[in-house]
N, C-alpha and C. Protein backbone atom coordinates (compact mmCIF):
# COMPACT_ATOMS: atom_id res chain seq x y z
N MET A 1 -29.10 -18.50 -3.05
CA MET A 1 -27.86 -17.94 -3.58
C MET A 1 -27.22 -17.06 -2.52
N GLU A 2 -25.92 -17.22 -2.31
CA GLU A 2 -25.23 -16.44 -1.30
C GLU A 2 -24.83 -15.08 -1.86
N THR A 3 -25.00 -14.07 -1.02
CA THR A 3 -24.57 -12.73 -1.39
C THR A 3 -23.16 -12.52 -0.87
N PRO A 4 -22.44 -11.53 -1.37
CA PRO A 4 -21.08 -11.29 -0.89
C PRO A 4 -21.03 -11.08 0.63
N GLU A 5 -22.08 -10.50 1.22
CA GLU A 5 -22.10 -10.27 2.66
C GLU A 5 -22.10 -11.58 3.42
N LYS A 6 -22.67 -12.64 2.85
CA LYS A 6 -22.77 -13.92 3.52
C LYS A 6 -21.61 -14.84 3.19
N ASN A 7 -20.82 -14.52 2.18
CA ASN A 7 -19.72 -15.37 1.78
C ASN A 7 -18.45 -14.51 1.68
N PRO A 8 -17.66 -14.47 2.78
CA PRO A 8 -16.47 -13.61 2.78
C PRO A 8 -15.46 -13.95 1.69
N GLN A 9 -15.32 -15.24 1.34
CA GLN A 9 -14.36 -15.61 0.30
C GLN A 9 -14.74 -15.00 -1.04
N THR A 10 -16.03 -14.99 -1.33
CA THR A 10 -16.51 -14.39 -2.58
C THR A 10 -16.22 -12.90 -2.59
N GLN A 11 -16.47 -12.24 -1.48
CA GLN A 11 -16.22 -10.80 -1.42
C GLN A 11 -14.73 -10.51 -1.55
N GLU A 12 -13.90 -11.28 -0.89
CA GLU A 12 -12.45 -11.08 -1.02
C GLU A 12 -12.00 -11.28 -2.46
N ARG A 13 -12.56 -12.27 -3.13
CA ARG A 13 -12.22 -12.51 -4.54
C ARG A 13 -12.68 -11.33 -5.40
N LEU A 14 -13.87 -10.83 -5.15
CA LEU A 14 -14.38 -9.68 -5.92
C LEU A 14 -13.51 -8.45 -5.69
N ILE A 15 -13.10 -8.22 -4.46
CA ILE A 15 -12.23 -7.09 -4.16
C ILE A 15 -10.90 -7.25 -4.89
N GLY A 16 -10.35 -8.46 -4.88
CA GLY A 16 -9.10 -8.71 -5.60
C GLY A 16 -9.25 -8.50 -7.09
N ASP A 17 -10.37 -8.97 -7.64
CA ASP A 17 -10.63 -8.77 -9.07
C ASP A 17 -10.76 -7.29 -9.41
N LEU A 18 -11.45 -6.55 -8.55
CA LEU A 18 -11.63 -5.11 -8.78
C LEU A 18 -10.28 -4.40 -8.72
N ARG A 19 -9.44 -4.78 -7.77
CA ARG A 19 -8.10 -4.19 -7.69
C ARG A 19 -7.33 -4.43 -9.00
N LEU A 20 -7.41 -5.65 -9.51
CA LEU A 20 -6.70 -5.99 -10.74
C LEU A 20 -7.21 -5.17 -11.92
N VAL A 21 -8.52 -5.03 -12.03
CA VAL A 21 -9.10 -4.23 -13.12
C VAL A 21 -8.63 -2.78 -13.00
N ILE A 22 -8.62 -2.26 -11.79
CA ILE A 22 -8.17 -0.88 -11.58
C ILE A 22 -6.71 -0.72 -11.98
N GLU A 23 -5.87 -1.65 -11.57
CA GLU A 23 -4.45 -1.58 -11.94
C GLU A 23 -4.28 -1.62 -13.46
N ASN A 24 -5.02 -2.50 -14.12
CA ASN A 24 -4.91 -2.60 -15.57
C ASN A 24 -5.40 -1.32 -16.26
N ALA A 25 -6.48 -0.75 -15.74
CA ALA A 25 -7.01 0.48 -16.33
C ALA A 25 -6.03 1.64 -16.13
N GLU A 26 -5.42 1.71 -14.95
CA GLU A 26 -4.43 2.76 -14.71
C GLU A 26 -3.24 2.62 -15.65
N GLU A 27 -2.81 1.39 -15.87
CA GLU A 27 -1.70 1.13 -16.79
C GLU A 27 -2.08 1.52 -18.21
N LEU A 28 -3.30 1.20 -18.62
CA LEU A 28 -3.78 1.55 -19.95
C LEU A 28 -3.80 3.07 -20.13
N LEU A 29 -4.31 3.78 -19.12
CA LEU A 29 -4.32 5.24 -19.21
C LEU A 29 -2.91 5.79 -19.34
N LYS A 30 -2.01 5.25 -18.56
CA LYS A 30 -0.63 5.73 -18.59
C LYS A 30 0.02 5.47 -19.95
N ASN A 31 -0.27 4.32 -20.54
CA ASN A 31 0.38 3.92 -21.80
C ASN A 31 -0.28 4.50 -23.05
N THR A 32 -1.42 5.14 -22.91
CA THR A 32 -2.10 5.71 -24.09
C THR A 32 -2.10 7.23 -24.08
N ASP A 33 -1.31 7.81 -23.21
CA ASP A 33 -1.28 9.27 -23.10
C ASP A 33 -0.76 9.94 -24.37
N GLN A 34 0.07 9.25 -25.15
CA GLN A 34 0.66 9.85 -26.35
C GLN A 34 -0.34 9.99 -27.50
N TYR A 35 -1.47 9.29 -27.43
CA TYR A 35 -2.47 9.38 -28.51
C TYR A 35 -3.30 10.64 -28.30
N THR A 36 -3.31 11.50 -29.30
CA THR A 36 -3.93 12.81 -29.13
C THR A 36 -5.23 12.99 -29.90
N SER A 37 -5.64 12.00 -30.65
CA SER A 37 -6.88 12.19 -31.42
C SER A 37 -8.06 12.34 -30.45
N VAL A 38 -9.08 13.00 -30.95
CA VAL A 38 -10.28 13.25 -30.14
C VAL A 38 -10.91 11.93 -29.70
N LEU A 39 -10.93 10.96 -30.57
CA LEU A 39 -11.51 9.65 -30.23
C LEU A 39 -10.78 9.02 -29.04
N TYR A 40 -9.47 9.01 -29.08
CA TYR A 40 -8.69 8.45 -27.97
C TYR A 40 -8.88 9.26 -26.70
N GLN A 41 -8.86 10.58 -26.83
CA GLN A 41 -9.00 11.42 -25.65
C GLN A 41 -10.37 11.25 -25.00
N ASN A 42 -11.43 11.11 -25.82
CA ASN A 42 -12.77 10.88 -25.27
C ASN A 42 -12.83 9.53 -24.56
N ALA A 43 -12.25 8.51 -25.18
CA ALA A 43 -12.23 7.18 -24.56
C ALA A 43 -11.43 7.20 -23.27
N ARG A 44 -10.31 7.90 -23.26
CA ARG A 44 -9.50 7.99 -22.05
C ARG A 44 -10.24 8.73 -20.95
N ALA A 45 -10.98 9.77 -21.31
CA ALA A 45 -11.75 10.52 -20.31
C ALA A 45 -12.83 9.64 -19.69
N LYS A 46 -13.51 8.85 -20.52
CA LYS A 46 -14.53 7.94 -20.00
C LYS A 46 -13.90 6.89 -19.10
N LEU A 47 -12.76 6.36 -19.49
CA LEU A 47 -12.06 5.36 -18.69
C LEU A 47 -11.61 5.97 -17.36
N ALA A 48 -11.13 7.19 -17.40
CA ALA A 48 -10.69 7.85 -16.17
C ALA A 48 -11.86 8.04 -15.21
N MET A 49 -13.03 8.41 -15.74
CA MET A 49 -14.22 8.56 -14.88
C MET A 49 -14.63 7.22 -14.29
N ALA A 50 -14.63 6.16 -15.10
CA ALA A 50 -14.98 4.83 -14.62
C ALA A 50 -13.97 4.34 -13.59
N LEU A 51 -12.71 4.65 -13.82
CA LEU A 51 -11.66 4.26 -12.89
C LEU A 51 -11.83 4.96 -11.55
N ASN A 52 -12.18 6.21 -11.58
CA ASN A 52 -12.43 6.96 -10.35
C ASN A 52 -13.59 6.33 -9.58
N ALA A 53 -14.67 6.00 -10.28
CA ALA A 53 -15.82 5.36 -9.63
C ALA A 53 -15.43 4.00 -9.06
N ALA A 54 -14.63 3.24 -9.78
CA ALA A 54 -14.20 1.92 -9.31
C ALA A 54 -13.33 2.05 -8.06
N ASN A 55 -12.46 3.05 -8.02
CA ASN A 55 -11.64 3.27 -6.83
C ASN A 55 -12.51 3.62 -5.62
N GLU A 56 -13.51 4.44 -5.83
CA GLU A 56 -14.43 4.79 -4.74
C GLU A 56 -15.20 3.55 -4.26
N GLU A 57 -15.65 2.73 -5.19
CA GLU A 57 -16.38 1.52 -4.83
C GLU A 57 -15.47 0.54 -4.09
N LEU A 58 -14.24 0.40 -4.54
CA LEU A 58 -13.28 -0.47 -3.87
C LEU A 58 -13.05 0.00 -2.44
N GLU A 59 -12.90 1.28 -2.27
CA GLU A 59 -12.71 1.83 -0.92
C GLU A 59 -13.92 1.52 -0.04
N ARG A 60 -15.11 1.65 -0.59
CA ARG A 60 -16.33 1.35 0.16
C ARG A 60 -16.37 -0.13 0.55
N PHE A 61 -16.03 -1.03 -0.41
CA PHE A 61 -16.00 -2.46 -0.12
C PHE A 61 -15.00 -2.79 0.98
N GLU A 62 -13.81 -2.20 0.87
CA GLU A 62 -12.77 -2.47 1.87
C GLU A 62 -13.17 -1.95 3.25
N ASP A 63 -13.79 -0.78 3.29
CA ASP A 63 -14.27 -0.24 4.56
C ASP A 63 -15.33 -1.14 5.18
N ALA A 64 -16.26 -1.62 4.35
CA ALA A 64 -17.32 -2.50 4.85
C ALA A 64 -16.72 -3.81 5.36
N GLN A 65 -15.74 -4.34 4.65
CA GLN A 65 -15.10 -5.58 5.07
C GLN A 65 -14.38 -5.38 6.41
N LEU A 66 -13.68 -4.28 6.56
CA LEU A 66 -12.99 -3.99 7.80
C LEU A 66 -13.98 -3.82 8.94
N ASN A 67 -15.08 -3.13 8.69
CA ASN A 67 -16.11 -2.95 9.73
C ASN A 67 -16.70 -4.28 10.17
N ARG A 68 -16.92 -5.20 9.22
CA ARG A 68 -17.44 -6.52 9.58
C ARG A 68 -16.44 -7.29 10.43
N MET A 69 -15.16 -7.19 10.08
CA MET A 69 -14.13 -7.87 10.86
C MET A 69 -14.07 -7.30 12.28
N MET A 70 -14.15 -5.99 12.40
CA MET A 70 -14.11 -5.36 13.72
C MET A 70 -15.33 -5.76 14.54
N GLU A 71 -16.48 -5.81 13.90
CA GLU A 71 -17.71 -6.21 14.60
C GLU A 71 -17.63 -7.67 15.04
N ALA A 72 -17.10 -8.53 14.21
CA ALA A 72 -16.93 -9.94 14.57
C ALA A 72 -16.00 -10.07 15.77
N THR A 73 -14.95 -9.28 15.79
CA THR A 73 -14.02 -9.30 16.91
C THR A 73 -14.71 -8.83 18.19
N ARG A 74 -15.47 -7.76 18.08
CA ARG A 74 -16.19 -7.23 19.24
C ARG A 74 -17.17 -8.26 19.80
N GLN A 75 -17.93 -8.90 18.90
CA GLN A 75 -18.91 -9.90 19.33
C GLN A 75 -18.22 -11.10 19.98
N ALA A 76 -17.11 -11.53 19.42
CA ALA A 76 -16.37 -12.66 20.00
C ALA A 76 -15.84 -12.30 21.38
N THR A 77 -15.40 -11.08 21.55
CA THR A 77 -14.89 -10.63 22.84
C THR A 77 -16.02 -10.63 23.87
N GLU A 78 -17.19 -10.15 23.48
CA GLU A 78 -18.33 -10.14 24.39
C GLU A 78 -18.74 -11.55 24.78
N ARG A 79 -18.75 -12.47 23.81
CA ARG A 79 -19.16 -13.85 24.08
C ARG A 79 -18.16 -14.59 24.96
N CYS A 80 -16.90 -14.39 24.67
CA CYS A 80 -15.87 -15.24 25.29
C CYS A 80 -15.08 -14.55 26.39
N GLY A 81 -15.20 -13.25 26.51
CA GLY A 81 -14.49 -12.54 27.55
C GLY A 81 -12.98 -12.70 27.49
N SER A 82 -12.40 -12.60 26.33
CA SER A 82 -10.95 -12.74 26.16
C SER A 82 -10.21 -11.69 26.99
N LEU A 83 -9.06 -12.06 27.47
CA LEU A 83 -8.26 -11.15 28.26
C LEU A 83 -7.24 -10.39 27.44
N SER A 84 -6.70 -11.00 26.40
CA SER A 84 -5.65 -10.33 25.63
C SER A 84 -6.16 -9.94 24.24
N GLY A 85 -5.54 -8.90 23.69
CA GLY A 85 -5.89 -8.46 22.35
C GLY A 85 -5.55 -9.52 21.31
N GLU A 86 -4.46 -10.24 21.52
CA GLU A 86 -4.08 -11.30 20.59
C GLU A 86 -5.16 -12.39 20.52
N GLU A 87 -5.68 -12.77 21.67
CA GLU A 87 -6.75 -13.77 21.69
C GLU A 87 -7.99 -13.27 20.94
N ARG A 88 -8.29 -12.01 21.10
CA ARG A 88 -9.45 -11.44 20.42
C ARG A 88 -9.30 -11.50 18.90
N ILE A 89 -8.13 -11.11 18.44
CA ILE A 89 -7.88 -11.10 16.99
C ILE A 89 -7.93 -12.52 16.43
N LEU A 90 -7.26 -13.44 17.10
CA LEU A 90 -7.24 -14.83 16.61
C LEU A 90 -8.63 -15.44 16.61
N ARG A 91 -9.43 -15.14 17.61
CA ARG A 91 -10.79 -15.69 17.68
C ARG A 91 -11.66 -15.15 16.54
N ALA A 92 -11.43 -13.93 16.11
CA ALA A 92 -12.24 -13.34 15.02
C ALA A 92 -12.02 -14.07 13.71
N PHE A 93 -10.89 -14.76 13.55
CA PHE A 93 -10.59 -15.41 12.29
C PHE A 93 -10.88 -16.91 12.32
N HIS A 94 -11.49 -17.39 13.39
CA HIS A 94 -11.84 -18.83 13.46
C HIS A 94 -13.23 -19.08 12.97
């Protein structure tokens, strides 16, 4: 079974899905602010905490993905001795 680290398309899809969930949760929080009952406020507080954690996790995923891309570019440059930055970037995506 492939892990997200070994399958970039899967990781990109997961990051996209997480972004969508975060956007939906933010919209839900914004649209339920008028409900003042304790039950709603407790649920909103839990959602806000989960949303904060999801944002932190998304940032971590994106940082890891960027670091992998930069490392791939560095390794390609070392292997191929590219002269231009454009060649380096294009080679990282092949």
